[in-house]
Amino acid sequence: VQLVESGGGLVQAGGSLRLSCVISGGTFGAYPVWWYRQAPGKQRAMVASVTMGGDTNYGDPVKGRFTISRDITRKAVHLQMTSLKPDDTAVYYCHYGADWGQGTQVIVSS
């Protein structure tokens, strides 16, 4: 299974970004898809997850600001991030089954 993230970048506080994770190989939908993030000097933390049935779950710091969605046709999962804060600065990783993507960097400037 390969996970390829994209969409990271530099944005000002209050701005928005949309991350994408495209999953190839394996059976799409066999597991929930998760987004995690890791800030410098901190442990990797769960951001959001979505099942193929559409059930979602969010970490407390992002509730009300981030939205996770899945595109079954394209075997992709997206993370729409709004009202971004400097504390959201991190490398964001897609996680599916036992596999992880390479990560995409998000930097939010104040």
PDB file of N, CA and C in Angstrom:
ATOM      1  N   VAL A   1       0.851  -1.185   0.000  1.00  0.00           N
ATOM      2  CA  VAL A   1       0.000   0.000   0.000  1.00  0.00           C
ATOM      3  C   VAL A   1       0.890   1.239   0.000  1.00  0.00           C
ATOM      4  N   GLN A   2       0.555   2.188  -0.851  1.00  0.00           N
ATOM      5  CA  GLN A   2       1.282   3.464  -0.883  1.00  0.00           C
ATOM      6  C   GLN A   2       0.321   4.593  -0.544  1.00  0.00           C
ATOM      7  N   LEU A   3       0.794   5.486   0.294  1.00  0.00           N
ATOM      8  CA  LEU A   3       0.025   6.661   0.681  1.00  0.00           C
ATOM      9  C   LEU A   3       0.812   7.888   0.257  1.00  0.00           C
ATOM     10  N   VAL A   4       0.209   8.753  -0.514  1.00  0.00           N
ATOM     11  CA  VAL A   4       0.893   9.944  -0.990  1.00  0.00           C
ATOM     12  C   VAL A   4       0.087  11.165  -0.572  1.00  0.00           C
ATOM     13  N   GLU A   5       0.691  11.970   0.306  1.00  0.00           N
ATOM     14  CA  GLU A   5       0.037  13.188   0.771  1.00  0.00           C
ATOM     15  C   GLU A   5       0.452  14.372  -0.092  1.00  0.00           C
ATOM     16  N   SER A   6      -0.408  15.347  -0.148  1.00  0.00           N
ATOM     17  CA  SER A   6      -0.102  16.584  -0.848  1.00  0.00           C
ATOM     18  C   SER A   6      -0.948  17.701  -0.255  1.00  0.00           C
ATOM     19  N   GLY A   7      -0.595  18.935  -0.620  1.00  0.00           N
ATOM     20  CA  GLY A   7      -1.412  20.068  -0.229  1.00  0.00           C
ATOM     21  C   GLY A   7      -0.848  20.925   0.878  1.00  0.00           C
ATOM     22  N   GLY A   8       0.261  20.498   1.471  1.00  0.00           N
ATOM     23  CA  GLY A   8       0.846  21.299   2.523  1.00  0.00           C
ATOM     24  C   GLY A   8       1.455  22.582   1.971  1.00  0.00           C
ATOM     25  N   GLY A   9       1.850  23.461   2.883  1.00  0.00           N
ATOM     26  CA  GLY A   9       2.464  24.707   2.466  1.00  0.00           C
ATOM     27  C   GLY A   9       2.514  25.708   3.587  1.00  0.00           C
ATOM     28  N   LEU A  10       2.802  26.934   3.200  1.00  0.00           N
ATOM     29  CA  LEU A  10       2.889  28.046   4.142  1.00  0.00           C
ATOM     30  C   LEU A  10       1.635  28.901   4.008  1.00  0.00           C
ATOM     31  N   VAL A  11       1.010  29.193   5.136  1.00  0.00           N
ATOM     32  CA  VAL A  11      -0.215  29.983   5.116  1.00  0.00           C
ATOM     33  C   VAL A  11      -0.230  30.894   6.329  1.00  0.00           C
ATOM     34  N   GLN A  12      -0.894  32.018   6.211  1.00  0.00           N
ATOM     35  CA  GLN A  12      -1.015  32.922   7.353  1.00  0.00           C
ATOM     36  C   GLN A  12      -2.100  32.433   8.297  1.00  0.00           C
ATOM     37  N   ALA A  13      -1.974  32.807   9.543  1.00  0.00           N
ATOM     38  CA  ALA A  13      -2.993  32.461  10.525  1.00  0.00           C
ATOM     39  C   ALA A  13      -4.360  32.945  10.039  1.00  0.00           C
ATOM     40  N   GLY A  14      -5.352  32.109  10.230  1.00  0.00           N
ATOM     41  CA  GLY A  14      -6.693  32.402   9.755  1.00  0.00           C
ATOM     42  C   GLY A  14      -6.979  31.862   8.371  1.00  0.00           C
ATOM     43  N   GLY A  15      -5.950  31.415   7.695  1.00  0.00           N
ATOM     44  CA  GLY A  15      -6.113  30.902   6.347  1.00  0.00           C
ATOM     45  C   GLY A  15      -6.550  29.454   6.314  1.00  0.00           C
ATOM     46  N   SER A  16      -6.582  28.912   5.107  1.00  0.00           N
ATOM     47  CA  SER A  16      -7.057  27.542   4.891  1.00  0.00           C
ATOM     48  C   SER A  16      -6.093  26.766   3.997  1.00  0.00           C
ATOM     49  N   LEU A  17      -6.093  25.475   4.181  1.00  0.00           N
ATOM     50  CA  LEU A  17      -5.374  24.551   3.303  1.00  0.00           C
ATOM     51  C   LEU A  17      -6.188  23.280   3.173  1.00  0.00           C
ATOM     52  N   ARG A  18      -5.988  22.595   2.077  1.00  0.00           N
ATOM     53  CA  ARG A  18      -6.647  21.301   1.875  1.00  0.00           C
ATOM     54  C   ARG A  18      -5.579  20.257   1.589  1.00  0.00           C
ATOM     55  N   LEU A  19      -5.480  19.300   2.482  1.00  0.00           N
ATOM     56  CA  LEU A  19      -4.544  18.202   2.303  1.00  0.00           C
ATOM     57  C   LEU A  19      -5.260  17.030   1.642  1.00  0.00           C
ATOM     58  N   SER A  20      -4.510  16.292   0.856  1.00  0.00           N
ATOM     59  CA  SER A  20      -5.053  15.105   0.213  1.00  0.00           C
ATOM     60  C   SER A  20      -4.132  13.916   0.446  1.00  0.00           C
ATOM     61  N   CYS A  21      -4.723  12.753   0.540  1.00  0.00           N
ATOM     62  CA  CYS A  21      -3.987  11.502   0.678  1.00  0.00           C
ATOM     63  C   CYS A  21      -4.564  10.533  -0.339  1.00  0.00           C
ATOM     64  N   VAL A  22      -3.739  10.140  -1.291  1.00  0.00           N
ATOM     65  CA  VAL A  22      -4.167   9.175  -2.294  1.00  0.00           C
ATOM     66  C   VAL A  22      -3.591   7.816  -1.920  1.00  0.00           C
ATOM     67  N   ILE A  23      -4.453   6.815  -1.906  1.00  0.00           N
ATOM     68  CA  ILE A  23      -4.066   5.480  -1.471  1.00  0.00           C
ATOM     69  C   ILE A  23      -4.073   4.538  -2.661  1.00  0.00           C
ATOM     70  N   SER A  24      -2.960   3.875  -2.892  1.00  0.00           N
ATOM     71  CA  SER A  24      -2.880   2.913  -3.983  1.00  0.00           C
ATOM     72  C   SER A  24      -2.420   1.566  -3.435  1.00  0.00           C
ATOM     73  N   GLY A  25      -2.860   0.516  -4.102  1.00  0.00           N
ATOM     74  CA  GLY A  25      -2.547  -0.829  -3.622  1.00  0.00           C
ATOM     75  C   GLY A  25      -3.487  -1.210  -2.496  1.00  0.00           C
ATOM     76  N   GLY A  26      -3.543  -2.450  -2.184  1.00  0.00           N
ATOM     77  CA  GLY A  26      -4.410  -2.886  -1.106  1.00  0.00           C
ATOM     78  C   GLY A  26      -5.874  -2.752  -1.481  1.00  0.00           C
ATOM     79  N   THR A  27      -6.730  -2.853  -0.498  1.00  0.00           N
ATOM     80  CA  THR A  27      -8.171  -2.747  -0.692  1.00  0.00           C
ATOM     81  C   THR A  27      -8.651  -1.468  -0.027  1.00  0.00           C
ATOM     82  N   PHE A  28      -8.992  -0.482  -0.820  1.00  0.00           N
ATOM     83  CA  PHE A  28      -9.454   0.785  -0.256  1.00  0.00           C
ATOM     84  C   PHE A  28     -10.761   0.550   0.478  1.00  0.00           C
ATOM     85  N   GLY A  29     -10.792   1.009   1.694  1.00  0.00           N
ATOM     86  CA  GLY A  29     -11.999   0.855   2.487  1.00  0.00           C
ATOM     87  C   GLY A  29     -11.921  -0.255   3.506  1.00  0.00           C
ATOM     88  N   ALA A  30     -10.799  -0.979   3.495  1.00  0.00           N
ATOM     89  CA  ALA A  30     -10.667  -2.062   4.467  1.00  0.00           C
ATOM     90  C   ALA A  30     -10.479  -1.523   5.883  1.00  0.00           C
ATOM     91  N   TYR A  31      -9.951  -0.298   5.988  1.00  0.00           N
ATOM     92  CA  TYR A  31      -9.670   0.311   7.295  1.00  0.00           C
ATOM     93  C   TYR A  31     -10.107   1.775   7.275  1.00  0.00           C
ATOM     94  N   PRO A  32     -10.252   2.362   8.442  1.00  0.00           N
ATOM     95  CA  PRO A  32     -10.424   3.817   8.469  1.00  0.00           C
ATOM     96  C   PRO A  32      -9.136   4.482   7.980  1.00  0.00           C
ATOM     97  N   VAL A  33      -9.246   5.715   7.549  1.00  0.00           N
ATOM     98  CA  VAL A  33      -8.077   6.501   7.177  1.00  0.00           C
ATOM     99  C   VAL A  33      -7.911   7.594   8.225  1.00  0.00           C
ATOM    100  N   TRP A  34      -6.704   7.770   8.645  1.00  0.00           N
ATOM    101  CA  TRP A  34      -6.391   8.720   9.705  1.00  0.00           C
ATOM    102  C   TRP A  34      -5.443   9.806   9.198  1.00  0.00           C
ATOM    103  N   TRP A  35      -5.589  10.984   9.733  1.00  0.00           N
ATOM    104  CA  TRP A  35      -4.576  12.033   9.620  1.00  0.00           C
ATOM    105  C   TRP A  35      -3.977  12.231  11.007  1.00  0.00           C
ATOM    106  N   TYR A  36      -2.663  12.231  11.046  1.00  0.00           N
ATOM    107  CA  TYR A  36      -1.919  12.547  12.251  1.00  0.00           C
ATOM    108  C   TYR A  36      -1.030  13.753  11.948  1.00  0.00           C
ATOM    109  N   ARG A  37      -0.531  14.384  12.977  1.00  0.00           N
ATOM    110  CA  ARG A  37       0.438  15.455  12.783  1.00  0.00           C
ATOM    111  C   ARG A  37       1.495  15.388  13.874  1.00  0.00           C
ATOM    112  N   GLN A  38       2.667  15.873  13.502  1.00  0.00           N
ATOM    113  CA  GLN A  38       3.769  15.907  14.450  1.00  0.00           C
ATOM    114  C   GLN A  38       4.477  17.247  14.347  1.00  0.00           C
ATOM    115  N   ALA A  39       4.415  17.991  15.425  1.00  0.00           N
ATOM    116  CA  ALA A  39       5.099  19.278  15.505  1.00  0.00           C
ATOM    117  C   ALA A  39       6.508  19.052  16.045  1.00  0.00           C
ATOM    118  N   PRO A  40       7.422  19.963  15.778  1.00  0.00           N
ATOM    119  CA  PRO A  40       8.794  19.808  16.261  1.00  0.00           C
ATOM    120  C   PRO A  40       8.835  19.625  17.778  1.00  0.00           C
ATOM    121  N   GLY A  41       9.521  18.589  18.218  1.00  0.00           N
ATOM    122  CA  GLY A  41       9.670  18.338  19.636  1.00  0.00           C
ATOM    123  C   GLY A  41       8.467  17.726  20.315  1.00  0.00           C
ATOM    124  N   LYS A  42       7.443  17.391  19.546  1.00  0.00           N
ATOM    125  CA  LYS A  42       6.226  16.829  20.132  1.00  0.00           C
ATOM    126  C   LYS A  42       5.946  15.458  19.548  1.00  0.00           C
ATOM    127  N   GLN A  43       5.097  14.711  20.269  1.00  0.00           N
ATOM    128  CA  GLN A  43       4.699  13.392  19.776  1.00  0.00           C
ATOM    129  C   GLN A  43       3.679  13.523  18.658  1.00  0.00           C
ATOM    130  N   ARG A  44       3.622  12.498  17.852  1.00  0.00           N
ATOM    131  CA  ARG A  44       2.624  12.455  16.785  1.00  0.00           C
ATOM    132  C   ARG A  44       1.242  12.369  17.422  1.00  0.00           C
ATOM    133  N   ALA A  45       0.317  13.167  16.917  1.00  0.00           N
ATOM    134  CA  ALA A  45      -1.015  13.250  17.497  1.00  0.00           C
ATOM    135  C   ALA A  45      -2.081  13.042  16.434  1.00  0.00           C
ATOM    136  N   MET A  46      -3.168  12.418  16.826  1.00  0.00           N
ATOM    137  CA  MET A  46      -4.277  12.189  15.915  1.00  0.00           C
ATOM    138  C   MET A  46      -4.974  13.497  15.608  1.00  0.00           C
ATOM    139  N   VAL A  47      -5.274  13.694  14.337  1.00  0.00           N
ATOM    140  CA  VAL A  47      -5.997  14.884  13.909  1.00  0.00           C
ATOM    141  C   VAL A  47      -7.447  14.552  13.583  1.00  0.00           C
ATOM    142  N   ALA A  48      -7.614  13.546  12.721  1.00  0.00           N
ATOM    143  CA  ALA A  48      -8.961  13.190  12.295  1.00  0.00           C
ATOM    144  C   ALA A  48      -8.932  11.803  11.663  1.00  0.00           C
ATOM    145  N   SER A  49     -10.099  11.187  11.606  1.00  0.00           N
ATOM    146  CA  SER A  49     -10.220   9.898  10.939  1.00  0.00           C
ATOM    147  C   SER A  49     -11.573   9.806  10.257  1.00  0.00           C
ATOM    148  N   VAL A  50     -11.632   8.938   9.265  1.00  0.00           N
ATOM    149  CA  VAL A  50     -12.893   8.701   8.557  1.00  0.00           C
ATOM    150  C   VAL A  50     -12.955   7.235   8.158  1.00  0.00           C
ATOM    151  N   THR A  51     -14.119   6.647   8.335  1.00  0.00           N
ATOM    152  CA  THR A  51     -14.351   5.295   7.858  1.00  0.00           C
ATOM    153  C   THR A  51     -14.943   5.361   6.458  1.00  0.00           C
ATOM    154  N   MET A  52     -14.952   4.242   5.764  1.00  0.00           N
ATOM    155  CA  MET A  52     -15.536   4.239   4.434  1.00  0.00           C
ATOM    156  C   MET A  52     -17.045   4.433   4.504  1.00  0.00           C
ATOM    157  N   GLY A  53     -17.611   4.158   5.661  1.00  0.00           N
ATOM    158  CA  GLY A  53     -19.034   4.435   5.834  1.00  0.00           C
ATOM    159  C   GLY A  53     -19.321   5.899   6.091  1.00  0.00           C
ATOM    160  N   GLY A  54     -18.243   6.692   6.281  1.00  0.00           N
ATOM    161  CA  GLY A  54     -18.424   8.122   6.450  1.00  0.00           C
ATOM    162  C   GLY A  54     -18.390   8.613   7.885  1.00  0.00           C
ATOM    163  N   ASP A  55     -18.195   7.722   8.832  1.00  0.00           N
ATOM    164  CA  ASP A  55     -18.093   8.153  10.226  1.00  0.00           C
ATOM    165  C   ASP A  55     -16.769   8.879  10.435  1.00  0.00           C
ATOM    166  N   THR A  56     -16.834  10.002  11.123  1.00  0.00           N
ATOM    167  CA  THR A  56     -15.638  10.809  11.331  1.00  0.00           C
ATOM    168  C   THR A  56     -15.358  11.012  12.813  1.00  0.00           C
ATOM    169  N   ASN A  57     -14.111  11.317  13.081  1.00  0.00           N
ATOM    170  CA  ASN A  57     -13.679  11.575  14.446  1.00  0.00           C
ATOM    171  C   ASN A  57     -12.584  12.629  14.372  1.00  0.00           C
ATOM    172  N   TYR A  58     -12.555  13.546  15.345  1.00  0.00           N
ATOM    173  CA  TYR A  58     -11.592  14.638  15.325  1.00  0.00           C
ATOM    174  C   TYR A  58     -10.915  14.793  16.678  1.00  0.00           C
ATOM    175  N   GLY A  59      -9.649  15.191  16.630  1.00  0.00           N
ATOM    176  CA  GLY A  59      -8.980  15.564  17.855  1.00  0.00           C
ATOM    177  C   GLY A  59      -9.540  16.886  18.361  1.00  0.00           C
ATOM    178  N   ASP A  60      -9.516  17.054  19.673  1.00  0.00           N
ATOM    179  CA  ASP A  60     -10.112  18.252  20.256  1.00  0.00           C
ATOM    180  C   ASP A  60      -9.545  19.559  19.691  1.00  0.00           C
ATOM    181  N   PRO A  61      -8.232  19.662  19.440  1.00  0.00           N
ATOM    182  CA  PRO A  61      -7.699  20.950  18.969  1.00  0.00           C
ATOM    183  C   PRO A  61      -8.226  21.406  17.605  1.00  0.00           C
ATOM    184  N   VAL A  62      -8.785  20.482  16.828  1.00  0.00           N
ATOM    185  CA  VAL A  62      -9.197  20.847  15.466  1.00  0.00           C
ATOM    186  C   VAL A  62     -10.702  20.794  15.257  1.00  0.00           C
ATOM    187  N   LYS A  63     -11.434  20.383  16.258  1.00  0.00           N
ATOM    188  CA  LYS A  63     -12.885  20.283  16.106  1.00  0.00           C
ATOM    189  C   LYS A  63     -13.480  21.635  15.735  1.00  0.00           C
ATOM    190  N   GLY A  64     -14.349  21.609  14.746  1.00  0.00           N
ATOM    191  CA  GLY A  64     -14.991  22.830  14.287  1.00  0.00           C
ATOM    192  C   GLY A  64     -14.194  23.596  13.266  1.00  0.00           C
ATOM    193  N   ARG A  65     -12.936  23.222  13.048  1.00  0.00           N
ATOM    194  CA  ARG A  65     -12.086  23.925  12.078  1.00  0.00           C
ATOM    195  C   ARG A  65     -11.665  23.028  10.915  1.00  0.00           C
ATOM    196  N   PHE A  66     -11.478  21.755  11.178  1.00  0.00           N
ATOM    197  CA  PHE A  66     -11.026  20.810  10.152  1.00  0.00           C
ATOM    198  C   PHE A  66     -12.170  19.885   9.766  1.00  0.00           C
ATOM    199  N   THR A  67     -12.168  19.483   8.506  1.00  0.00           N
ATOM    200  CA  THR A  67     -13.165  18.535   8.023  1.00  0.00           C
ATOM    201  C   THR A  67     -12.469  17.457   7.198  1.00  0.00           C
ATOM    202  N   ILE A  68     -12.706  16.217   7.560  1.00  0.00           N
ATOM    203  CA  ILE A  68     -12.142  15.099   6.814  1.00  0.00           C
ATOM    204  C   ILE A  68     -13.228  14.505   5.926  1.00  0.00           C
ATOM    205  N   SER A  69     -12.831  14.110   4.730  1.00  0.00           N
ATOM    206  CA  SER A  69     -13.785  13.505   3.808  1.00  0.00           C
ATOM    207  C   SER A  69     -13.076  12.461   2.960  1.00  0.00           C
ATOM    208  N   ARG A  70     -13.867  11.557   2.400  1.00  0.00           N
ATOM    209  CA  ARG A  70     -13.250  10.535   1.557  1.00  0.00           C
ATOM    210  C   ARG A  70     -13.892  10.547   0.176  1.00  0.00           C
ATOM    211  N   ASP A  71     -13.063  10.245  -0.816  1.00  0.00           N
ATOM    212  CA  ASP A  71     -13.497  10.155  -2.212  1.00  0.00           C
ATOM    213  C   ASP A  71     -13.226   8.724  -2.637  1.00  0.00           C
ATOM    214  N   ILE A  72     -14.263   7.909  -2.567  1.00  0.00           N
ATOM    215  CA  ILE A  72     -14.080   6.489  -2.826  1.00  0.00           C
ATOM    216  C   ILE A  72     -13.660   6.243  -4.274  1.00  0.00           C
ATOM    217  N   THR A  73     -14.199   7.025  -5.187  1.00  0.00           N
ATOM    218  CA  THR A  73     -13.876   6.838  -6.610  1.00  0.00           C
ATOM    219  C   THR A  73     -12.391   7.046  -6.861  1.00  0.00           C
ATOM    220  N   ARG A  74     -11.821   8.064  -6.225  1.00  0.00           N
ATOM    221  CA  ARG A  74     -10.413   8.387  -6.447  1.00  0.00           C
ATOM    222  C   ARG A  74      -9.495   7.768  -5.405  1.00  0.00           C
ATOM    223  N   LYS A  75     -10.084   6.992  -4.479  1.00  0.00           N
ATOM    224  CA  LYS A  75      -9.289   6.367  -3.409  1.00  0.00           C
ATOM    225  C   LYS A  75      -8.451   7.422  -2.692  1.00  0.00           C
ATOM    226  N   ALA A  76      -9.122   8.454  -2.286  1.00  0.00           N
ATOM    227  CA  ALA A  76      -8.434   9.578  -1.648  1.00  0.00           C
ATOM    228  C   ALA A  76      -9.199  10.022  -0.412  1.00  0.00           C
ATOM    229  N   VAL A  77      -8.463  10.607   0.488  1.00  0.00           N
ATOM    230  CA  VAL A  77      -9.046  11.223   1.672  1.00  0.00           C
ATOM    231  C   VAL A  77      -8.499  12.637   1.764  1.00  0.00           C
ATOM    232  N   HIS A  78      -9.380  13.565   2.071  1.00  0.00           N
ATOM    233  CA  HIS A  78      -8.996  14.970   2.126  1.00  0.00           C
ATOM    234  C   HIS A  78      -9.170  15.512   3.537  1.00  0.00           C
ATOM    235  N   LEU A  79      -8.353  16.487   3.854  1.00  0.00           N
ATOM    236  CA  LEU A  79      -8.480  17.182   5.133  1.00  0.00           C
ATOM    237  C   LEU A  79      -8.546  18.668   4.835  1.00  0.00           C
ATOM    238  N   GLN A  80      -9.742  19.221   4.962  1.00  0.00           N
ATOM    239  CA  GLN A  80      -9.940  20.653   4.769  1.00  0.00           C
ATOM    240  C   GLN A  80      -9.674  21.343   6.092  1.00  0.00           C
ATOM    241  N   MET A  81      -8.708  22.231   6.089  1.00  0.00           N
ATOM    242  CA  MET A  81      -8.298  22.921   7.319  1.00  0.00           C
ATOM    243  C   MET A  81      -8.611  24.402   7.183  1.00  0.00           C
ATOM    244  N   THR A  82      -9.393  24.928   8.087  1.00  0.00           N
ATOM    245  CA  THR A  82      -9.746  26.343   8.069  1.00  0.00           C
ATOM    246  C   THR A  82      -9.369  26.983   9.406  1.00  0.00           C
ATOM    247  N   SER A  83      -9.410  28.300   9.419  1.00  0.00           N
ATOM    248  CA  SER A  83      -9.066  29.056  10.632  1.00  0.00           C
ATOM    249  C   SER A  83      -7.758  28.555  11.235  1.00  0.00           C
ATOM    250  N   LEU A  84      -6.774  28.405  10.394  1.00  0.00           N
ATOM    251  CA  LEU A  84      -5.512  27.831  10.841  1.00  0.00           C
ATOM    252  C   LEU A  84      -4.807  28.734  11.838  1.00  0.00           C
ATOM    253  N   LYS A  85      -4.129  28.087  12.777  1.00  0.00           N
ATOM    254  CA  LYS A  85      -3.404  28.778  13.828  1.00  0.00           C
ATOM    255  C   LYS A  85      -1.934  28.376  13.780  1.00  0.00           C
ATOM    256  N   PRO A  86      -1.058  29.188  14.332  1.00  0.00           N
ATOM    257  CA  PRO A  86       0.354  28.783  14.373  1.00  0.00           C
ATOM    258  C   PRO A  86       0.562  27.429  15.050  1.00  0.00           C
ATOM    259  N   ASP A  87      -0.279  27.095  16.013  1.00  0.00           N
ATOM    260  CA  ASP A  87      -0.168  25.795  16.684  1.00  0.00           C
ATOM    261  C   ASP A  87      -0.481  24.617  15.760  1.00  0.00           C
ATOM    262  N   ASP A  88      -1.051  24.897  14.605  1.00  0.00           N
ATOM    263  CA  ASP A  88      -1.322  23.820  13.639  1.00  0.00           C
ATOM    264  C   ASP A  88      -0.083  23.471  12.814  1.00  0.00           C
ATOM    265  N   THR A  89       0.976  24.238  12.976  1.00  0.00           N
ATOM    266  CA  THR A  89       2.212  23.960  12.260  1.00  0.00           C
ATOM    267  C   THR A  89       2.746  22.586  12.636  1.00  0.00           C
ATOM    268  N   ALA A  90       2.947  21.753  11.630  1.00  0.00           N
ATOM    269  CA  ALA A  90       3.385  20.374  11.861  1.00  0.00           C
ATOM    270  C   ALA A  90       3.572  19.690  10.520  1.00  0.00           C
ATOM    271  N   VAL A  91       4.141  18.499  10.580  1.00  0.00           N
ATOM    272  CA  VAL A  91       4.118  17.604   9.432  1.00  0.00           C
ATOM    273  C   VAL A  91       2.871  16.738   9.588  1.00  0.00           C
ATOM    274  N   TYR A  92       2.072  16.687   8.562  1.00  0.00           N
ATOM    275  CA  TYR A  92       0.822  15.943   8.580  1.00  0.00           C
ATOM    276  C   TYR A  92       1.000  14.631   7.816  1.00  0.00           C
ATOM    277  N   TYR A  93       0.575  13.547   8.471  1.00  0.00           N
ATOM    278  CA  TYR A  93       0.751  12.210   7.926  1.00  0.00           C
ATOM    279  C   TYR A  93      -0.600  11.531   7.720  1.00  0.00           C
ATOM    280  N   CYS A  94      -0.686  10.814   6.645  1.00  0.00           N
ATOM    281  CA  CYS A  94      -1.833   9.954   6.373  1.00  0.00           C
ATOM    282  C   CYS A  94      -1.489   8.540   6.851  1.00  0.00           C
ATOM    283  N   HIS A  95      -2.469   7.877   7.453  1.00  0.00           N
ATOM    284  CA  HIS A  95      -2.234   6.552   8.031  1.00  0.00           C
ATOM    285  C   HIS A  95      -3.399   5.644   7.656  1.00  0.00           C
ATOM    286  N   TYR A  96      -3.058   4.471   7.136  1.00  0.00           N
ATOM    287  CA  TYR A  96      -4.083   3.522   6.675  1.00  0.00           C
ATOM    288  C   TYR A  96      -3.590   2.110   6.945  1.00  0.00           C
ATOM    289  N   GLY A  97      -4.320   1.377   7.755  1.00  0.00           N
ATOM    290  CA  GLY A  97      -3.884   0.034   8.132  1.00  0.00           C
ATOM    291  C   GLY A  97      -2.567   0.121   8.897  1.00  0.00           C
ATOM    292  N   ALA A  98      -1.534  -0.529   8.357  1.00  0.00           N
ATOM    293  CA  ALA A  98      -0.214  -0.480   8.979  1.00  0.00           C
ATOM    294  C   ALA A  98       0.716   0.488   8.267  1.00  0.00           C
ATOM    295  N   ASP A  99       0.205   1.246   7.328  1.00  0.00           N
ATOM    296  CA  ASP A  99       1.040   2.072   6.465  1.00  0.00           C
ATOM    297  C   ASP A  99       0.885   3.565   6.764  1.00  0.00           C
ATOM    298  N   TRP A 100       1.981   4.278   6.488  1.00  0.00           N
ATOM    299  CA  TRP A 100       2.049   5.721   6.677  1.00  0.00           C
ATOM    300  C   TRP A 100       2.571   6.370   5.407  1.00  0.00           C
ATOM    301  N   GLY A 101       2.076   7.574   5.156  1.00  0.00           N
ATOM    302  CA  GLY A 101       2.644   8.356   4.080  1.00  0.00           C
ATOM    303  C   GLY A 101       3.936   9.026   4.516  1.00  0.00           C
ATOM    304  N   GLN A 102       4.514   9.774   3.595  1.00  0.00           N
ATOM    305  CA  GLN A 102       5.797  10.429   3.875  1.00  0.00           C
ATOM    306  C   GLN A 102       5.614  11.750   4.613  1.00  0.00           C
ATOM    307  N   GLY A 103       4.407  12.227   4.647  1.00  0.00           N
ATOM    308  CA  GLY A 103       4.113  13.474   5.349  1.00  0.00           C
ATOM    309  C   GLY A 103       4.145  14.688   4.444  1.00  0.00           C
ATOM    310  N   THR A 104       3.382  15.693   4.824  1.00  0.00           N
ATOM    311  CA  THR A 104       3.377  16.963   4.111  1.00  0.00           C
ATOM    312  C   THR A 104       3.443  18.078   5.152  1.00  0.00           C
ATOM    313  N   GLN A 105       4.308  19.037   4.914  1.00  0.00           N
ATOM    314  CA  GLN A 105       4.573  20.091   5.889  1.00  0.00           C
ATOM    315  C   GLN A 105       3.537  21.198   5.798  1.00  0.00           C
ATOM    316  N   VAL A 106       3.020  21.575   6.952  1.00  0.00           N
ATOM    317  CA  VAL A 106       2.124  22.728   7.058  1.00  0.00           C
ATOM    318  C   VAL A 106       2.767  23.729   8.006  1.00  0.00           C
ATOM    319  N   ILE A 107       2.913  24.944   7.539  1.00  0.00           N
ATOM    320  CA  ILE A 107       3.462  26.021   8.367  1.00  0.00           C
ATOM    321  C   ILE A 107       2.465  27.162   8.393  1.00  0.00           C
ATOM    322  N   VAL A 108       2.067  27.542   9.587  1.00  0.00           N
ATOM    323  CA  VAL A 108       1.114  28.633   9.755  1.00  0.00           C
ATOM    324  C   VAL A 108       1.846  29.789  10.434  1.00  0.00           C
ATOM    325  N   SER A 109       1.938  30.888   9.731  1.00  0.00           N
ATOM    326  CA  SER A 109       2.638  32.046  10.274  1.00  0.00           C
ATOM    327  C   SER A 109       1.660  32.969  11.002  1.00  0.00           C
ATOM    328  N   SER A 110       2.165  33.612  12.024  1.00  0.00           N
ATOM    329  CA  SER A 110       1.312  34.499  12.821  1.00  0.00           C
ATOM    330  C   SER A 110       1.295  35.904  12.251  1.00  0.00           C
TER     331      SER A 110
END
